[in-house]
Amino acid sequence: MAKKFHQPTRMCVSCRIKSAQNELVRLRCVDGGLQPFGGWGRSFYICKDCLLDEKKAIKSLMRQCKNGDKENLSNKLKEIIADDR
């Protein structure tokens, strides 16, 4: 009988839907800028469906990155999505 391993669940900051951790993108805010998670510091998860809806994603990122610039966050998000693919 094969062992079933525990799959951690996390919640998207935009749509608040819980999903498996490997189905979400993990990001973090540093000095008002957006970065992919680098292994240390506080981070958050956002689902791939919300990333496709730019308006919804930017709104949730503005909430997470309190002192972030809307245009800067939008450009950085596009960079991260392009690198992820």
N, C-alpha and C. Protein backbone atom coordinates (compact mmCIF):
# COMPACT_ATOMS: atom_id res chain seq x y z
N MET A 1 0.83 -1.18 0.00
CA MET A 1 0.00 0.00 0.00
C MET A 1 0.88 1.25 0.00
N ALA A 2 0.63 2.15 -0.92
CA ALA A 2 1.41 3.37 -1.04
C ALA A 2 1.01 4.37 0.03
N LYS A 3 2.01 5.08 0.55
CA LYS A 3 1.75 6.09 1.57
C LYS A 3 1.20 7.36 0.94
N LYS A 4 0.25 7.95 1.59
CA LYS A 4 -0.27 9.24 1.14
C LYS A 4 0.40 10.31 2.00
N PHE A 5 1.08 11.21 1.34
CA PHE A 5 1.77 12.27 2.05
C PHE A 5 0.85 13.47 2.21
N HIS A 6 1.04 14.17 3.30
CA HIS A 6 0.24 15.36 3.58
C HIS A 6 0.59 16.46 2.58
N GLN A 7 -0.42 17.05 1.99
CA GLN A 7 -0.24 18.16 1.05
C GLN A 7 -0.67 19.44 1.75
N PRO A 8 0.27 20.35 2.07
CA PRO A 8 -0.11 21.58 2.76
C PRO A 8 -1.05 22.45 1.92
N THR A 9 -2.00 23.09 2.57
CA THR A 9 -2.91 24.00 1.88
C THR A 9 -2.62 25.42 2.33
N ARG A 10 -2.73 26.33 1.40
CA ARG A 10 -2.52 27.76 1.67
C ARG A 10 -3.66 28.53 1.02
N MET A 11 -3.81 29.79 1.42
CA MET A 11 -4.91 30.60 0.92
C MET A 11 -4.40 31.75 0.05
N CYS A 12 -5.07 31.97 -1.05
CA CYS A 12 -4.74 33.08 -1.96
C CYS A 12 -5.15 34.39 -1.29
N VAL A 13 -4.27 35.40 -1.33
CA VAL A 13 -4.58 36.68 -0.69
C VAL A 13 -5.62 37.48 -1.47
N SER A 14 -5.84 37.12 -2.71
CA SER A 14 -6.77 37.86 -3.54
C SER A 14 -8.19 37.31 -3.46
N CYS A 15 -8.37 36.03 -3.78
CA CYS A 15 -9.71 35.45 -3.83
C CYS A 15 -10.07 34.65 -2.57
N ARG A 16 -9.11 34.44 -1.68
CA ARG A 16 -9.31 33.75 -0.40
C ARG A 16 -9.71 32.28 -0.57
N ILE A 17 -9.36 31.66 -1.69
CA ILE A 17 -9.65 30.24 -1.91
C ILE A 17 -8.44 29.43 -1.47
N LYS A 18 -8.69 28.36 -0.72
CA LYS A 18 -7.61 27.50 -0.27
C LYS A 18 -7.27 26.49 -1.35
N SER A 19 -5.98 26.32 -1.60
CA SER A 19 -5.48 25.39 -2.61
C SER A 19 -4.23 24.71 -2.09
N ALA A 20 -3.80 23.70 -2.80
CA ALA A 20 -2.54 23.04 -2.46
C ALA A 20 -1.40 24.04 -2.64
N GLN A 21 -0.40 23.93 -1.79
CA GLN A 21 0.69 24.89 -1.79
C GLN A 21 1.42 24.93 -3.14
N ASN A 22 1.54 23.80 -3.81
CA ASN A 22 2.28 23.78 -5.07
C ASN A 22 1.48 24.36 -6.23
N GLU A 23 0.22 24.69 -6.05
CA GLU A 23 -0.60 25.30 -7.10
C GLU A 23 -0.61 26.83 -7.02
N LEU A 24 0.01 27.38 -5.99
CA LEU A 24 0.03 28.83 -5.77
C LEU A 24 1.42 29.40 -6.02
N VAL A 25 1.48 30.69 -6.28
CA VAL A 25 2.74 31.40 -6.46
C VAL A 25 3.05 32.13 -5.16
N ARG A 26 4.28 31.96 -4.68
CA ARG A 26 4.68 32.57 -3.41
C ARG A 26 5.52 33.81 -3.68
N LEU A 27 5.09 34.94 -3.14
CA LEU A 27 5.75 36.22 -3.35
C LEU A 27 6.02 36.88 -2.01
N ARG A 28 6.82 37.94 -2.03
CA ARG A 28 7.03 38.74 -0.83
C ARG A 28 7.29 40.19 -1.20
N CYS A 29 6.99 41.08 -0.27
CA CYS A 29 7.22 42.51 -0.47
C CYS A 29 8.47 42.94 0.30
N VAL A 30 9.33 43.67 -0.39
CA VAL A 30 10.53 44.20 0.24
C VAL A 30 10.64 45.67 -0.13
N ASP A 31 10.56 46.53 0.85
CA ASP A 31 10.68 47.98 0.64
C ASP A 31 9.73 48.49 -0.45
N GLY A 32 8.49 48.03 -0.42
CA GLY A 32 7.49 48.48 -1.36
C GLY A 32 7.59 47.82 -2.73
N GLY A 33 8.56 46.93 -2.91
CA GLY A 33 8.73 46.22 -4.18
C GLY A 33 8.31 44.77 -4.04
N LEU A 34 8.12 44.12 -5.14
CA LEU A 34 7.66 42.74 -5.17
C LEU A 34 8.79 41.83 -5.61
N GLN A 35 8.94 40.68 -4.93
CA GLN A 35 9.96 39.71 -5.27
C GLN A 35 9.40 38.31 -5.15
N PRO A 36 9.94 37.36 -5.92
CA PRO A 36 9.59 35.97 -5.65
C PRO A 36 10.18 35.59 -4.30
N PHE A 37 9.58 34.65 -3.62
CA PHE A 37 10.05 34.27 -2.29
C PHE A 37 11.44 33.68 -2.40
N GLY A 38 12.36 34.17 -1.56
CA GLY A 38 13.75 33.75 -1.61
C GLY A 38 14.18 32.83 -0.49
N GLY A 39 13.27 32.38 0.34
CA GLY A 39 13.64 31.45 1.40
C GLY A 39 13.68 32.06 2.78
N TRP A 40 13.53 33.35 2.91
CA TRP A 40 13.51 33.98 4.23
C TRP A 40 12.55 35.17 4.19
N GLY A 41 12.07 35.55 5.35
CA GLY A 41 11.17 36.70 5.45
C GLY A 41 9.71 36.31 5.32
N ARG A 42 8.88 37.29 5.45
CA ARG A 42 7.43 37.09 5.40
C ARG A 42 6.96 37.06 3.96
N SER A 43 6.05 36.15 3.65
CA SER A 43 5.60 36.01 2.27
C SER A 43 4.09 35.79 2.23
N PHE A 44 3.55 35.72 1.02
CA PHE A 44 2.13 35.47 0.81
C PHE A 44 1.96 34.69 -0.48
N TYR A 45 0.78 34.11 -0.65
CA TYR A 45 0.48 33.28 -1.81
C TYR A 45 -0.62 33.93 -2.64
N ILE A 46 -0.53 33.74 -3.96
CA ILE A 46 -1.58 34.21 -4.86
C ILE A 46 -1.78 33.12 -5.93
N CYS A 47 -3.04 32.85 -6.26
CA CYS A 47 -3.32 31.76 -7.22
C CYS A 47 -3.09 32.24 -8.66
N LYS A 48 -2.93 31.29 -9.54
CA LYS A 48 -2.63 31.59 -10.93
C LYS A 48 -3.82 32.21 -11.65
N ASP A 49 -5.05 31.90 -11.21
CA ASP A 49 -6.23 32.51 -11.80
C ASP A 49 -6.27 34.01 -11.50
N CYS A 50 -5.92 34.37 -10.28
CA CYS A 50 -5.91 35.79 -9.90
C CYS A 50 -4.77 36.54 -10.60
N LEU A 51 -3.67 35.86 -10.87
CA LEU A 51 -2.57 36.51 -11.58
C LEU A 51 -2.97 36.89 -13.01
N LEU A 52 -3.85 36.11 -13.61
CA LEU A 52 -4.30 36.41 -14.97
C LEU A 52 -5.19 37.64 -15.02
N ASP A 53 -5.92 37.90 -13.94
CA ASP A 53 -6.76 39.10 -13.84
C ASP A 53 -5.92 40.20 -13.20
N GLU A 54 -5.28 41.01 -14.02
CA GLU A 54 -4.30 41.99 -13.52
C GLU A 54 -4.90 42.98 -12.53
N LYS A 55 -6.10 43.45 -12.80
CA LYS A 55 -6.73 44.44 -11.92
C LYS A 55 -6.94 43.87 -10.51
N LYS A 56 -7.42 42.64 -10.45
CA LYS A 56 -7.66 41.98 -9.17
C LYS A 56 -6.34 41.71 -8.44
N ALA A 57 -5.31 41.30 -9.18
CA ALA A 57 -4.01 41.01 -8.60
C ALA A 57 -3.36 42.27 -8.03
N ILE A 58 -3.41 43.36 -8.77
CA ILE A 58 -2.79 44.60 -8.31
C ILE A 58 -3.49 45.11 -7.06
N LYS A 59 -4.80 44.98 -7.00
CA LYS A 59 -5.55 45.43 -5.82
C LYS A 59 -5.11 44.67 -4.57
N SER A 60 -4.95 43.36 -4.69
CA SER A 60 -4.53 42.57 -3.54
C SER A 60 -3.06 42.83 -3.19
N LEU A 61 -2.23 43.07 -4.20
CA LEU A 61 -0.82 43.38 -3.94
C LEU A 61 -0.66 44.73 -3.25
N MET A 62 -1.50 45.68 -3.60
CA MET A 62 -1.46 46.98 -2.92
C MET A 62 -1.82 46.83 -1.44
N ARG A 63 -2.72 45.90 -1.16
CA ARG A 63 -3.09 45.62 0.23
C ARG A 63 -1.93 44.97 0.99
N GLN A 64 -1.21 44.06 0.33
CA GLN A 64 -0.10 43.36 0.97
C GLN A 64 1.13 44.25 1.11
N CYS A 65 1.47 44.99 0.07
CA CYS A 65 2.65 45.86 0.08
C CYS A 65 2.17 47.27 0.37
N LYS A 66 2.09 47.61 1.60
CA LYS A 66 1.46 48.86 2.05
C LYS A 66 2.04 50.11 1.40
N ASN A 67 3.35 50.19 1.26
CA ASN A 67 3.95 51.41 0.71
C ASN A 67 4.43 51.21 -0.72
N GLY A 68 3.77 50.29 -1.45
CA GLY A 68 4.16 50.02 -2.84
C GLY A 68 3.50 50.96 -3.83
N ASP A 69 4.18 51.20 -4.91
CA ASP A 69 3.67 52.03 -6.00
C ASP A 69 2.92 51.13 -6.98
N LYS A 70 1.72 51.53 -7.39
CA LYS A 70 0.87 50.70 -8.25
C LYS A 70 1.56 50.34 -9.56
N GLU A 71 2.18 51.30 -10.20
CA GLU A 71 2.85 51.05 -11.47
C GLU A 71 4.06 50.13 -11.29
N ASN A 72 4.83 50.36 -10.24
CA ASN A 72 6.00 49.53 -9.95
C ASN A 72 5.59 48.09 -9.68
N LEU A 73 4.52 47.89 -8.89
CA LEU A 73 4.04 46.55 -8.59
C LEU A 73 3.55 45.85 -9.85
N SER A 74 2.87 46.57 -10.71
CA SER A 74 2.36 46.00 -11.95
C SER A 74 3.50 45.52 -12.85
N ASN A 75 4.53 46.35 -13.00
CA ASN A 75 5.67 45.99 -13.84
C ASN A 75 6.42 44.79 -13.26
N LYS A 76 6.63 44.79 -11.96
CA LYS A 76 7.36 43.70 -11.31
C LYS A 76 6.57 42.39 -11.39
N LEU A 77 5.25 42.47 -11.25
CA LEU A 77 4.40 41.29 -11.35
C LEU A 77 4.50 40.68 -12.75
N LYS A 78 4.49 41.52 -13.78
CA LYS A 78 4.63 41.04 -15.15
C LYS A 78 5.98 40.35 -15.36
N GLU A 79 7.04 40.90 -14.76
CA GLU A 79 8.37 40.30 -14.84
C GLU A 79 8.38 38.91 -14.19
N ILE A 80 7.80 38.81 -13.00
CA ILE A 80 7.78 37.56 -12.26
C ILE A 80 6.99 36.49 -13.01
N ILE A 81 5.86 36.89 -13.58
CA ILE A 81 5.03 35.94 -14.34
C ILE A 81 5.80 35.45 -15.57
N ALA A 82 6.49 36.35 -16.26
CA ALA A 82 7.25 35.96 -17.45
C ALA A 82 8.40 35.01 -17.08
N ASP A 83 9.06 35.23 -15.96
CA ASP A 83 10.15 34.36 -15.53
C ASP A 83 9.63 33.01 -15.06
N ASP A 84 8.44 32.97 -14.51
CA ASP A 84 7.84 31.75 -13.97
C ASP A 84 7.50 30.76 -15.07
N ARG A 85 7.12 31.27 -16.23
CA ARG A 85 6.71 30.39 -17.34
C ARG A 85 7.93 29.84 -17.96
